[in-house]
C-alpha cells in the first residue's frame, strides 16, 4: 500500500486541495451541529460540534480511499468513530476531515485536514493540509525529514519559541494552584499561547519552531496520529505523561482516545517533563 501511495502522492494531494477549496467556499455558510445530547452552548464550550462540511469532506475522503487503496480499514472521526478495524488488519487509514471545526466555524484559519496510514500501531505516512494557509506537510517513516507540497524538505527547527499550548481538558489534570495561565507560565517558564483550539494548527507551529510544547487531555487517534510522524521527524515525539511514546495500537478501539499526551523537543524534554510531573503531582 505504501508503495502505491508514494507513487500516486500527487493524486492524494490534489484531492486534499479540492476538499480544502470546498471548505473555504462553505466556511461563511457552515452551521454548527451538536454531537451529543448537550445544549449547543455546552457542546460549543466542550468543542463537541460538527458541521455539514465535516460530513461532506469525510464522505469524499472515504470514497477516495476505497477507489484509490481498496478495502483497507479506515478510522475516521464522524462515520467510523464507533467501529474498529479487524484485529488482523496490517494497514489502517486514519482521517480527520476537519480538525479545528470550532475555529473553522468562527472564521479562523486554524483548521485543516489530516490523513495517515498506520501499520499495526506505527504510522508509516502522515500528511496535514491547511486550506486557508495554503500549506501542506507530509512525511514517510522510511524517509528523513518533513516535506511540503512542492516535495521540498522543510528546515528542522534548531530552537523553539518559549510558548506552549494546553488543551482545555488538560487544565483539569493540574493541581488547583496551577490552573491559570499565569501560574503555568511561572512554573514551566513558558508563555501559554492563545491559539485557535485545534491540534493540527499547534502542530504546524511546532514544525516551524514557533511553539515549544503541546499538552492535551483526551486527544483522539485522528487528532494526533497522522501528525505524530511529522512531529517525530523534527524531534518532538508524542509522549504520555511518563515520558513514554504513545502506543497508537491501543487507540484503534473505541473510544480511540488517549488520557493525556505531550510533545516537546528532545534537548529539553527531560527537564520539562520533570517540571510538568511536579505540577501534576497530587492533582
Protein backbone atom coordinates (compact mmCIF):
# COMPACT_ATOMS: atom_id res chain seq x y z
CA UNK A 1 0.00 0.00 0.00
CA UNK A 2 2.76 2.45 0.91
CA UNK A 3 4.45 2.00 -2.47
CA UNK A 4 1.21 2.83 -4.29
CA UNK A 5 0.59 5.81 -2.02
CA UNK A 6 4.10 7.08 -2.68
CA UNK A 7 3.77 6.62 -6.45
CA UNK A 8 0.43 8.46 -6.54
CA UNK A 9 1.08 11.02 -3.83
CA UNK A 10 0.07 13.95 -6.02
CA UNK A 11 -3.34 12.34 -6.57
CA UNK A 12 -3.91 12.40 -2.80
CA UNK A 13 -2.66 15.98 -2.59
CA UNK A 14 -4.97 17.07 -5.41
CA UNK A 15 -7.92 15.51 -3.57
CA UNK A 16 -6.97 17.34 -0.38
CA UNK A 17 -6.68 20.59 -2.34
CA UNK A 18 -10.14 20.16 -3.85
CA UNK A 19 -11.68 19.38 -0.47
CA UNK A 20 -9.85 22.32 1.08
CA UNK A 21 -11.26 24.61 -1.60
CA UNK A 22 -14.73 23.29 -0.77
CA UNK A 23 -14.18 24.01 2.92
CA UNK A 24 -13.11 27.57 2.19
CA UNK A 25 -16.10 28.14 -0.09
CA UNK A 26 -18.51 26.95 2.59
CA UNK A 27 -16.84 28.49 5.64
CA UNK A 28 -19.07 31.55 5.90
CA UNK A 29 -22.23 29.43 5.49
CA UNK A 30 -21.44 26.40 7.66
CA UNK A 31 -23.69 25.86 10.68
CA UNK A 32 -22.66 24.21 13.95
CA UNK A 33 -24.40 20.98 14.90
CA UNK A 34 -24.22 19.13 18.20
CA UNK A 35 -22.57 15.71 18.55
CA UNK A 36 -24.10 14.91 21.94
CA UNK A 37 -27.38 15.43 23.81
CA UNK A 38 -25.97 18.59 25.37
CA UNK A 39 -27.24 22.05 24.57
CA UNK A 40 -25.47 23.98 21.84
CA UNK A 41 -23.93 26.23 24.50
CA UNK A 42 -22.46 23.28 26.41
CA UNK A 43 -21.37 21.46 23.25
CA UNK A 44 -19.68 24.59 21.93
CA UNK A 45 -17.80 25.09 25.19
CA UNK A 46 -16.70 21.43 25.16
CA UNK A 47 -15.68 21.57 21.48
CA UNK A 48 -18.23 18.83 20.67
CA UNK A 49 -19.64 20.34 17.49
CA UNK A 50 -19.51 19.48 13.80
CA UNK A 51 -20.94 20.80 10.56
CA UNK A 52 -22.19 19.52 7.23
CA UNK A 53 -18.75 20.44 5.88
CA UNK A 54 -17.12 17.86 8.17
CA UNK A 55 -19.57 15.23 6.93
CA UNK A 56 -19.15 16.01 3.23
CA UNK A 57 -15.36 16.11 3.48
CA UNK A 58 -15.24 12.77 5.24
CA UNK A 59 -17.61 11.12 2.76
CA UNK A 60 -15.43 12.28 -0.11
CA UNK A 61 -12.25 11.06 1.58
CA UNK A 62 -13.78 7.67 2.33
CA UNK A 63 -14.85 7.32 -1.30
CA UNK A 64 -11.36 8.35 -2.42
CA UNK A 65 -9.76 5.74 -0.15
CA UNK A 66 -12.00 2.95 -1.47
CA UNK A 67 -11.26 3.88 -5.07
CA UNK A 68 -7.54 4.51 -4.63
CA UNK A 69 -6.48 2.00 -1.97
CA UNK A 70 -9.19 -0.66 -1.90
CA UNK A 71 -10.73 -2.20 1.19
CA UNK A 72 -8.20 -1.23 3.84
CA UNK A 73 -9.96 -0.33 7.10
CA UNK A 74 -10.44 3.35 7.90
CA UNK A 75 -10.79 5.05 11.28
CA UNK A 76 -12.35 8.48 10.82
CA UNK A 77 -13.95 10.99 13.12
CA UNK A 78 -17.56 11.25 12.01
CA UNK A 79 -18.58 7.91 10.46
CA UNK A 80 -16.22 5.33 11.93
CA UNK A 81 -15.91 6.53 15.50
CA UNK A 82 -17.95 3.58 16.80
CA UNK A 83 -16.23 0.87 14.75
CA UNK A 84 -12.78 -0.64 14.78
CA UNK A 85 -10.51 -2.31 12.23
CA UNK A 86 -10.17 -6.11 12.20
CA UNK A 87 -7.62 -7.35 14.71
CA UNK A 88 -5.51 -8.81 11.90
CA UNK A 89 -5.53 -5.66 9.74
CA UNK A 90 -1.99 -4.85 8.64
CA UNK A 91 -2.72 -1.32 7.44
CA UNK A 92 -5.26 1.17 8.76
CA UNK A 93 -6.04 4.59 7.29
CA UNK A 94 -6.74 7.36 9.82
CA UNK A 95 -8.63 10.51 8.78
CA UNK A 96 -9.66 13.75 10.41
CA UNK A 97 -11.71 15.52 7.73
CA UNK A 98 -11.75 18.88 9.51
CA UNK A 99 -9.54 19.24 12.54
CA UNK A 100 -10.48 22.50 14.19
CA UNK A 101 -14.20 22.59 13.45
CA UNK A 102 -14.78 25.24 16.09
CA UNK A 103 -12.11 27.64 14.75
CA UNK A 104 -13.45 26.92 11.26
CA UNK A 105 -16.97 27.92 12.28
CA UNK A 106 -15.56 31.05 13.93
CA UNK A 107 -13.98 32.09 10.63
CA UNK A 108 -10.40 31.36 11.71
CA UNK A 109 -7.66 29.92 9.50
CA UNK A 110 -6.61 27.45 12.23
CA UNK A 111 -8.11 24.28 10.75
CA UNK A 112 -7.01 21.53 8.40
CA UNK A 113 -7.34 18.01 7.03
CA UNK A 114 -5.26 15.18 8.46
CA UNK A 115 -4.60 11.81 6.78
CA UNK A 116 -2.32 8.97 7.78
CA UNK A 117 -1.53 5.30 7.22
CA UNK A 118 -0.71 3.10 10.18
CA UNK A 119 0.79 -0.39 10.23
CA UNK A 120 -0.14 -2.20 13.42
CA UNK A 121 0.14 0.93 15.54
CA UNK A 122 3.09 2.57 13.77
CA UNK A 123 2.44 5.44 11.39
CA UNK A 124 4.20 4.96 8.07
CA UNK A 125 2.80 8.10 6.44
CA UNK A 126 1.16 11.30 7.62
CA UNK A 127 0.02 14.49 5.92
CA UNK A 128 -1.56 17.69 7.24
CA UNK A 129 -3.16 20.14 4.82
CA UNK A 130 -4.10 23.70 5.80
CA UNK A 131 -6.54 25.10 3.21
CA UNK A 132 -6.67 28.69 4.49
CA UNK A 133 -2.91 28.85 4.99
CA UNK A 134 -2.15 27.25 1.59
CA UNK A 135 0.35 24.85 3.12
CA UNK A 136 0.84 21.10 3.38
CA UNK A 137 3.34 18.97 5.28
CA UNK A 138 3.95 15.25 4.93
CA UNK A 139 6.40 12.55 5.96
CA UNK A 140 7.14 8.87 5.39
CA UNK A 141 8.55 6.77 8.19
CA UNK A 142 11.38 5.47 5.99
CA UNK A 143 12.45 8.92 4.74
CA UNK A 144 14.36 11.56 6.67
CA UNK A 145 12.58 14.84 7.33
CA UNK A 146 9.26 16.57 6.66
CA UNK A 147 8.30 17.81 3.19
CA UNK A 148 5.99 20.49 1.82
CA UNK A 149 3.51 20.42 -1.07
CA UNK A 150 6.38 21.01 -3.52
CA UNK A 151 8.20 17.93 -2.16
CA UNK A 152 10.89 20.14 -0.66
CA UNK A 153 12.22 19.20 2.76
CA UNK A 154 11.43 21.87 5.34
CA UNK A 155 14.15 23.01 7.77
CA UNK A 156 14.10 21.25 11.13
CA UNK A 157 13.97 23.86 13.91
CA UNK A 158 17.16 24.24 15.90
CA UNK A 159 15.34 26.15 18.62
CA UNK A 160 11.75 26.75 19.62
CA UNK A 161 9.93 29.83 20.86
CA UNK A 162 9.17 29.84 24.60
CA UNK A 163 5.46 29.17 24.13
CA UNK A 164 3.27 26.21 24.97
CA UNK A 165 -0.28 25.04 24.33
CA UNK A 166 -2.63 23.38 26.82
CA UNK A 167 -5.97 21.94 25.77
CA UNK A 168 -8.92 22.98 27.90
CA UNK A 169 -9.16 19.47 29.30
CA UNK A 170 -5.52 19.47 30.34
CA UNK A 171 -6.17 22.17 32.91
CA UNK A 172 -8.39 19.69 34.76
CA UNK A 173 -5.35 17.47 35.32
CA UNK A 174 -3.42 20.22 37.09
CA UNK A 175 -3.27 20.96 40.76
CA UNK A 176 -5.60 23.82 41.63
CA UNK A 177 -2.77 26.27 42.30
CA UNK A 178 -1.59 25.87 38.70
CA UNK A 179 -4.88 26.32 36.87
CA UNK A 180 -4.34 29.80 35.48
CA UNK A 181 -2.11 30.67 32.50
CA UNK A 182 -0.04 32.97 34.71
CA UNK A 183 0.70 30.18 37.19
CA UNK A 184 1.56 27.72 34.42
CA UNK A 185 3.87 30.26 32.83
CA UNK A 186 5.70 30.83 36.09
CA UNK A 187 6.04 27.09 36.81
CA UNK A 188 7.15 25.99 33.34
CA UNK A 189 8.98 29.13 32.29
CA UNK A 190 6.88 29.26 29.11
CA UNK A 191 4.27 31.62 27.72
CA UNK A 192 0.85 29.97 27.35
CA UNK A 193 -0.17 30.73 23.78
CA UNK A 194 -3.61 31.99 22.82
CA UNK A 195 -4.18 29.97 19.64
CA UNK A 196 -7.11 28.55 17.70
CA UNK A 197 -8.03 25.38 19.58
CA UNK A 198 -7.09 22.74 17.05
CA UNK A 199 -4.28 20.23 17.33
CA UNK A 200 -3.38 20.49 13.66
CA UNK A 201 -2.70 24.22 13.98
CA UNK A 202 -0.45 23.77 17.02
CA UNK A 203 1.47 21.01 15.26
CA UNK A 204 2.18 23.37 12.37
CA UNK A 205 3.64 25.85 14.84
CA UNK A 206 5.85 23.16 16.37
CA UNK A 207 7.13 22.18 12.91
CA UNK A 208 8.09 25.82 12.40
CA UNK A 209 9.70 26.22 15.84
CA UNK A 210 7.03 28.73 16.89
CA UNK A 211 5.63 26.64 19.77
CA UNK A 212 7.73 24.63 22.22
CA UNK A 213 5.26 22.22 23.80
CA UNK A 214 1.82 20.70 23.23
CA UNK A 215 -0.21 19.24 26.11
CA UNK A 216 -3.61 17.67 25.62
CA UNK A 217 -6.03 15.55 27.60
CA UNK A 218 -8.33 13.10 25.84
CA UNK A 219 -6.88 13.50 22.34
CA UNK A 220 -8.39 11.19 19.72
CA UNK A 221 -6.40 8.98 17.36
CA UNK A 222 -7.43 11.10 14.35
CA UNK A 223 -6.37 14.30 16.17
CA UNK A 224 -2.81 13.20 16.84
CA UNK A 225 -1.99 10.04 14.88
CA UNK A 226 -1.03 11.27 11.39
CA UNK A 227 0.67 14.35 12.87
CA UNK A 228 2.74 12.22 15.24
CA UNK A 229 5.02 11.15 12.41
CA UNK A 230 5.66 14.77 11.39
CA UNK A 231 6.48 15.73 14.97
CA UNK A 232 8.77 12.75 15.38
CA UNK A 233 10.74 13.81 12.30
CA UNK A 234 11.58 17.17 13.93
CA UNK A 235 12.48 15.61 17.28
CA UNK A 236 9.17 16.11 19.12
CA UNK A 237 7.59 12.66 19.51
CA UNK A 238 4.20 12.38 21.19
CA UNK A 239 4.62 11.03 24.71
CA UNK A 240 2.41 10.05 27.61
CA UNK A 241 2.87 11.74 30.97
CA UNK A 242 5.50 9.17 31.98
CA UNK A 243 7.63 10.21 29.03
CA UNK A 244 6.93 7.05 27.01
CA UNK A 245 5.93 7.12 23.36
CA UNK A 246 2.22 6.91 22.67
CA UNK A 247 1.12 3.40 21.69
CA UNK A 248 -1.27 4.09 18.81
CA UNK A 249 -2.34 0.46 18.56
CA UNK A 250 -4.11 0.97 21.89
CA UNK A 251 -6.16 3.77 20.28
CA UNK A 252 -7.62 1.64 17.47
CA UNK A 253 -10.64 0.58 19.53
CA UNK A 254 -13.42 2.79 20.95
CA UNK A 255 -13.22 5.38 22.36
CA UNK A 256 -10.00 5.91 20.30
CA UNK A 257 -8.80 8.35 22.93
CA UNK A 258 -5.57 8.83 24.90
CA UNK A 259 -5.74 10.08 28.51
CA UNK A 260 -3.03 12.72 28.08
CA UNK A 261 -0.22 13.43 25.62
CA UNK A 262 2.74 15.79 25.45
CA UNK A 263 5.04 16.83 22.59
CA UNK A 264 8.28 18.61 23.45
CA UNK A 265 11.73 18.84 21.77
CA UNK A 266 14.38 16.32 22.76
CA UNK A 267 17.05 18.62 24.15
CA UNK A 268 14.87 19.91 26.98
CA UNK A 269 12.42 17.03 27.21
CA UNK A 270 13.65 15.51 30.47
CA UNK A 271 13.67 18.78 32.43
CA UNK A 272 10.29 19.82 31.02
CA UNK A 273 8.67 16.51 31.93
CA UNK A 274 10.11 16.73 35.44
CA UNK A 275 8.54 20.17 35.89
CA UNK A 276 5.25 19.00 34.41
CA UNK A 277 5.11 15.90 36.59
CA UNK A 278 5.67 18.11 39.63
CA UNK A 279 2.76 20.33 38.61
CA UNK A 280 0.57 17.26 38.08
CA UNK A 281 1.53 15.57 41.34
CA UNK A 282 -1.41 15.02 43.69
CA UNK A 283 -3.74 16.87 41.34
